[in-house]
């Protein structure tokens, strides 16, 4: 039986403010003009487009959300202690993703 990324744990961590902001994420967010509020809204949106539940040390997922008309991807992990770690956030490129911003283009 395969695991699936548990989005309810993401919601719980956000509501309890159990959030780790990785340095890489903060640097990229600054470069890309993404606020913490926008990133957390995407995370709370719970649209998992790539599920890496088998990742270790912690299950990871790529989520899609929107900042007005701007698509935003957030990569986060569910840490063993109940926190979420925001790993990175970015605006997906149409060179890498289809126009739905959910599907990776075939190489």
N, C-alpha and C. Protein backbone atom coordinates (compact mmCIF):
# COMPACT_ATOMS: atom_id res chain seq x y z
N UNK A 1 0.84 -1.18 0.00
CA UNK A 1 0.00 0.00 0.00
C UNK A 1 0.89 1.25 0.00
N UNK A 2 0.62 2.18 -0.92
CA UNK A 2 1.44 3.38 -0.99
C UNK A 2 0.86 4.47 -0.11
N UNK A 3 1.76 5.24 0.48
CA UNK A 3 1.34 6.37 1.30
C UNK A 3 0.89 7.51 0.39
N UNK A 4 0.05 8.37 0.92
CA UNK A 4 -0.26 9.61 0.23
C UNK A 4 0.04 10.76 1.17
N UNK A 5 0.38 11.88 0.58
CA UNK A 5 0.73 13.06 1.35
C UNK A 5 -0.49 13.53 2.13
N UNK A 6 -0.34 13.70 3.43
CA UNK A 6 -1.47 14.02 4.31
C UNK A 6 -1.64 15.54 4.43
N UNK A 7 -2.53 16.09 3.61
CA UNK A 7 -2.74 17.55 3.60
C UNK A 7 -3.39 18.06 4.88
N UNK A 8 -4.10 17.20 5.60
CA UNK A 8 -4.70 17.67 6.86
C UNK A 8 -3.61 18.05 7.86
N UNK A 9 -2.48 17.37 7.80
CA UNK A 9 -1.36 17.72 8.68
C UNK A 9 -0.78 19.08 8.32
N UNK A 10 -0.82 19.43 7.03
CA UNK A 10 -0.35 20.75 6.60
C UNK A 10 -1.25 21.82 7.21
N UNK A 11 -2.56 21.65 7.07
CA UNK A 11 -3.52 22.61 7.65
C UNK A 11 -3.30 22.76 9.15
N UNK A 12 -3.17 21.63 9.84
CA UNK A 12 -2.96 21.68 11.29
C UNK A 12 -1.69 22.42 11.66
N UNK A 13 -0.62 22.15 10.95
CA UNK A 13 0.65 22.82 11.23
C UNK A 13 0.54 24.32 11.00
N UNK A 14 -0.14 24.71 9.93
CA UNK A 14 -0.31 26.14 9.65
C UNK A 14 -1.15 26.79 10.75
N UNK A 15 -2.26 26.16 11.12
CA UNK A 15 -3.13 26.76 12.15
C UNK A 15 -2.42 26.86 13.50
N UNK A 16 -1.51 25.94 13.76
CA UNK A 16 -0.75 25.96 15.02
C UNK A 16 0.56 26.74 14.88
N UNK A 17 0.78 27.31 13.71
CA UNK A 17 2.01 28.09 13.42
C UNK A 17 3.28 27.26 13.63
N UNK A 18 3.19 25.99 13.27
CA UNK A 18 4.36 25.11 13.33
C UNK A 18 4.99 25.06 11.94
N UNK A 19 5.74 26.11 11.63
CA UNK A 19 6.26 26.29 10.28
C UNK A 19 7.75 26.58 10.35
N UNK A 20 8.51 25.83 9.59
CA UNK A 20 9.94 26.08 9.44
C UNK A 20 10.14 26.70 8.06
N UNK A 21 10.77 27.85 8.03
CA UNK A 21 11.07 28.52 6.76
C UNK A 21 12.54 28.25 6.43
N UNK A 22 12.78 27.36 5.48
CA UNK A 22 14.16 27.06 5.09
C UNK A 22 14.80 28.30 4.47
N UNK A 23 16.07 28.46 4.71
CA UNK A 23 16.80 29.62 4.18
C UNK A 23 16.63 29.73 2.66
N UNK A 24 16.75 28.60 1.97
CA UNK A 24 16.59 28.60 0.51
C UNK A 24 15.23 29.17 0.12
N UNK A 25 14.19 28.75 0.81
CA UNK A 25 12.83 29.24 0.51
C UNK A 25 12.76 30.75 0.70
N UNK A 26 13.27 31.24 1.81
CA UNK A 26 13.21 32.68 2.08
C UNK A 26 13.99 33.48 1.04
N UNK A 27 15.15 32.97 0.64
CA UNK A 27 15.94 33.66 -0.38
C UNK A 27 15.19 33.70 -1.71
N UNK A 28 14.63 32.56 -2.12
CA UNK A 28 13.89 32.50 -3.39
C UNK A 28 12.62 33.36 -3.33
N UNK A 29 11.94 33.35 -2.19
CA UNK A 29 10.73 34.16 -2.05
C UNK A 29 11.04 35.64 -2.20
N UNK A 30 12.15 36.06 -1.63
CA UNK A 30 12.56 37.46 -1.75
C UNK A 30 12.86 37.80 -3.21
N UNK A 31 13.62 36.94 -3.88
CA UNK A 31 13.94 37.14 -5.30
C UNK A 31 12.69 37.19 -6.16
N UNK A 32 11.71 36.36 -5.82
CA UNK A 32 10.51 36.18 -6.66
C UNK A 32 9.32 37.01 -6.19
N UNK A 33 9.56 37.84 -5.19
CA UNK A 33 8.51 38.71 -4.65
C UNK A 33 7.28 37.94 -4.21
N UNK A 34 7.54 36.90 -3.43
CA UNK A 34 6.47 36.08 -2.84
C UNK A 34 6.45 36.30 -1.34
N UNK A 35 5.31 36.66 -0.81
CA UNK A 35 5.19 36.88 0.64
C UNK A 35 4.94 35.56 1.36
N UNK A 36 5.20 35.57 2.65
CA UNK A 36 4.89 34.39 3.47
C UNK A 36 3.39 34.11 3.43
N UNK A 37 2.59 35.15 3.41
CA UNK A 37 1.13 34.98 3.37
C UNK A 37 0.72 34.21 2.13
N UNK A 38 1.25 34.60 0.97
CA UNK A 38 0.91 33.91 -0.29
C UNK A 38 1.35 32.46 -0.22
N UNK A 39 2.56 32.21 0.25
CA UNK A 39 3.08 30.84 0.32
C UNK A 39 2.21 29.99 1.24
N UNK A 40 1.81 30.53 2.38
CA UNK A 40 0.95 29.76 3.30
C UNK A 40 -0.44 29.55 2.72
N UNK A 41 -0.95 30.51 1.95
CA UNK A 41 -2.25 30.31 1.29
C UNK A 41 -2.17 29.17 0.29
N UNK A 42 -1.07 29.10 -0.46
CA UNK A 42 -0.89 27.99 -1.41
C UNK A 42 -0.81 26.67 -0.64
N UNK A 43 -0.05 26.65 0.44
CA UNK A 43 0.09 25.42 1.23
C UNK A 43 -1.26 24.99 1.81
N UNK A 44 -2.04 25.94 2.27
CA UNK A 44 -3.35 25.63 2.86
C UNK A 44 -4.37 25.21 1.79
N UNK A 45 -4.12 25.62 0.55
CA UNK A 45 -5.01 25.28 -0.57
C UNK A 45 -5.07 23.78 -0.80
N UNK A 46 -3.97 23.11 -0.51
CA UNK A 46 -3.90 21.64 -0.52
C UNK A 46 -3.99 20.99 -1.88
N UNK A 47 -3.70 21.69 -2.96
CA UNK A 47 -3.72 21.01 -4.26
C UNK A 47 -2.34 20.41 -4.52
N UNK A 48 -2.21 19.15 -4.14
CA UNK A 48 -0.95 18.44 -4.34
C UNK A 48 -0.88 18.00 -5.79
N UNK A 49 0.18 18.44 -6.48
CA UNK A 49 0.33 18.03 -7.88
C UNK A 49 1.42 16.98 -8.06
N UNK A 50 2.34 16.90 -7.12
CA UNK A 50 3.34 15.83 -7.11
C UNK A 50 3.53 15.40 -5.66
N UNK A 51 3.37 14.12 -5.43
CA UNK A 51 3.38 13.55 -4.08
C UNK A 51 4.66 12.72 -3.92
N UNK A 52 5.49 13.12 -2.98
CA UNK A 52 6.72 12.39 -2.69
C UNK A 52 6.65 11.87 -1.25
N UNK A 53 5.59 11.14 -0.95
CA UNK A 53 5.37 10.64 0.41
C UNK A 53 6.48 9.71 0.88
N UNK A 54 7.15 9.06 -0.07
CA UNK A 54 8.22 8.13 0.30
C UNK A 54 9.54 8.84 0.59
N UNK A 55 9.61 10.14 0.35
CA UNK A 55 10.85 10.88 0.63
C UNK A 55 11.23 10.74 2.09
N UNK A 56 12.51 10.66 2.33
CA UNK A 56 13.04 10.61 3.68
C UNK A 56 14.11 11.67 3.80
N UNK A 57 14.21 12.33 4.91
CA UNK A 57 13.66 11.97 6.21
C UNK A 57 12.19 12.35 6.41
N UNK A 58 11.59 13.11 5.49
CA UNK A 58 10.20 13.52 5.69
C UNK A 58 9.44 13.50 4.37
N UNK A 59 8.16 13.12 4.40
CA UNK A 59 7.34 13.17 3.19
C UNK A 59 7.29 14.59 2.63
N UNK A 60 7.34 14.70 1.31
CA UNK A 60 7.40 15.99 0.63
C UNK A 60 6.35 16.03 -0.46
N UNK A 61 5.92 17.25 -0.81
CA UNK A 61 4.95 17.40 -1.90
C UNK A 61 5.16 18.74 -2.60
N UNK A 62 4.74 18.77 -3.86
CA UNK A 62 4.69 19.99 -4.65
C UNK A 62 3.23 20.39 -4.73
N UNK A 63 2.92 21.61 -4.31
CA UNK A 63 1.54 22.10 -4.30
C UNK A 63 1.39 23.26 -5.28
N UNK A 64 0.19 23.39 -5.82
CA UNK A 64 -0.15 24.48 -6.73
C UNK A 64 -1.21 25.36 -6.08
N UNK A 65 -1.01 26.64 -6.20
CA UNK A 65 -2.00 27.62 -5.77
C UNK A 65 -1.88 28.86 -6.62
N UNK A 66 -2.68 29.85 -6.30
CA UNK A 66 -2.73 31.06 -7.13
C UNK A 66 -2.64 32.31 -6.27
N UNK A 67 -1.89 33.27 -6.77
CA UNK A 67 -1.84 34.61 -6.21
C UNK A 67 -2.48 35.50 -7.26
N UNK A 68 -3.77 35.74 -7.11
CA UNK A 68 -4.60 36.38 -8.14
C UNK A 68 -4.52 35.51 -9.39
N UNK A 69 -3.95 36.00 -10.49
CA UNK A 69 -3.85 35.21 -11.72
C UNK A 69 -2.49 34.51 -11.85
N UNK A 70 -1.64 34.67 -10.88
CA UNK A 70 -0.27 34.15 -10.93
C UNK A 70 -0.20 32.76 -10.31
N UNK A 71 0.21 31.74 -11.09
CA UNK A 71 0.36 30.40 -10.52
C UNK A 71 1.59 30.36 -9.62
N UNK A 72 1.47 29.66 -8.50
CA UNK A 72 2.58 29.53 -7.56
C UNK A 72 2.72 28.06 -7.17
N UNK A 73 3.96 27.58 -7.19
CA UNK A 73 4.28 26.24 -6.69
C UNK A 73 5.00 26.39 -5.35
N UNK A 74 4.65 25.53 -4.42
CA UNK A 74 5.33 25.47 -3.12
C UNK A 74 5.74 24.02 -2.88
N UNK A 75 6.99 23.83 -2.51
CA UNK A 75 7.48 22.51 -2.11
C UNK A 75 7.64 22.55 -0.60
N UNK A 76 7.01 21.58 0.06
CA UNK A 76 7.10 21.52 1.52
C UNK A 76 7.19 20.09 1.99
N UNK A 77 7.63 19.94 3.23
CA UNK A 77 7.72 18.61 3.82
C UNK A 77 6.98 18.58 5.15
N UNK A 78 6.54 17.38 5.51
CA UNK A 78 5.90 17.15 6.81
C UNK A 78 6.95 16.57 7.75
N UNK A 79 7.39 17.38 8.68
CA UNK A 79 8.46 16.97 9.58
C UNK A 79 7.92 16.03 10.66
N UNK A 80 8.77 15.13 11.17
CA UNK A 80 8.32 14.15 12.16
C UNK A 80 7.72 14.77 13.43
N UNK A 81 8.13 15.98 13.77
CA UNK A 81 7.64 16.61 15.00
C UNK A 81 6.34 17.39 14.81
N UNK A 82 5.72 17.26 13.62
CA UNK A 82 4.44 17.93 13.38
C UNK A 82 4.55 19.28 12.71
N UNK A 83 5.77 19.73 12.46
CA UNK A 83 5.94 20.99 11.74
C UNK A 83 5.93 20.73 10.24
N UNK A 84 5.68 21.80 9.48
CA UNK A 84 5.92 21.73 8.04
C UNK A 84 7.16 22.57 7.76
N UNK A 85 7.92 22.14 6.77
CA UNK A 85 9.09 22.91 6.34
C UNK A 85 8.82 23.40 4.93
N UNK A 86 8.87 24.71 4.75
CA UNK A 86 8.74 25.30 3.42
C UNK A 86 10.12 25.24 2.79
N UNK A 87 10.24 24.47 1.72
CA UNK A 87 11.54 24.21 1.09
C UNK A 87 11.82 25.24 -0.01
N UNK A 88 10.84 25.50 -0.85
CA UNK A 88 10.98 26.52 -1.89
C UNK A 88 9.61 26.93 -2.40
N UNK A 89 9.58 28.05 -3.12
CA UNK A 89 8.35 28.55 -3.73
C UNK A 89 8.74 29.30 -4.99
N UNK A 90 7.94 29.14 -6.03
CA UNK A 90 8.28 29.76 -7.31
C UNK A 90 7.07 29.84 -8.23
N UNK A 91 7.20 30.64 -9.27
CA UNK A 91 6.19 30.70 -10.33
C UNK A 91 6.62 29.69 -11.39
N UNK A 92 5.80 28.67 -11.66
CA UNK A 92 6.20 27.63 -12.61
C UNK A 92 6.35 28.18 -14.03
N UNK A 93 7.30 27.61 -14.74
CA UNK A 93 7.59 28.02 -16.11
C UNK A 93 6.82 27.14 -17.10
N UNK A 94 6.33 27.76 -18.16
CA UNK A 94 5.66 26.99 -19.22
C UNK A 94 6.66 26.16 -20.02
N UNK A 95 7.94 26.39 -19.83
CA UNK A 95 8.95 25.53 -20.46
C UNK A 95 9.02 24.18 -19.76
N UNK A 96 8.64 24.16 -18.49
CA UNK A 96 8.71 22.93 -17.69
C UNK A 96 7.33 22.30 -17.50
N UNK A 97 6.30 23.14 -17.37
CA UNK A 97 4.95 22.66 -17.08
C UNK A 97 3.99 22.99 -18.22
N UNK A 98 2.97 22.15 -18.38
CA UNK A 98 1.90 22.42 -19.33
C UNK A 98 1.13 23.65 -18.85
N UNK A 99 0.22 24.14 -19.67
CA UNK A 99 -0.51 25.38 -19.35
C UNK A 99 -1.43 25.24 -18.13
N UNK A 100 -1.68 24.01 -17.68
CA UNK A 100 -2.46 23.83 -16.45
C UNK A 100 -1.60 24.02 -15.20
N UNK A 101 -0.29 24.11 -15.38
CA UNK A 101 0.70 24.27 -14.31
C UNK A 101 0.72 23.09 -13.34
N UNK A 102 0.07 22.00 -13.72
CA UNK A 102 0.02 20.79 -12.89
C UNK A 102 0.87 19.66 -13.50
N UNK A 103 0.99 19.67 -14.81
CA UNK A 103 1.59 18.56 -15.53
C UNK A 103 2.95 18.96 -16.08
N UNK A 104 3.96 18.15 -15.74
CA UNK A 104 5.29 18.42 -16.31
C UNK A 104 5.30 18.04 -17.78
N UNK A 105 5.98 18.85 -18.57
CA UNK A 105 6.14 18.55 -19.99
C UNK A 105 7.05 17.33 -20.13
N UNK A 106 6.79 16.55 -21.15
CA UNK A 106 7.64 15.40 -21.45
C UNK A 106 8.91 15.91 -22.11
N UNK A 107 10.06 15.35 -21.73
CA UNK A 107 11.33 15.82 -22.31
C UNK A 107 11.55 15.29 -23.70
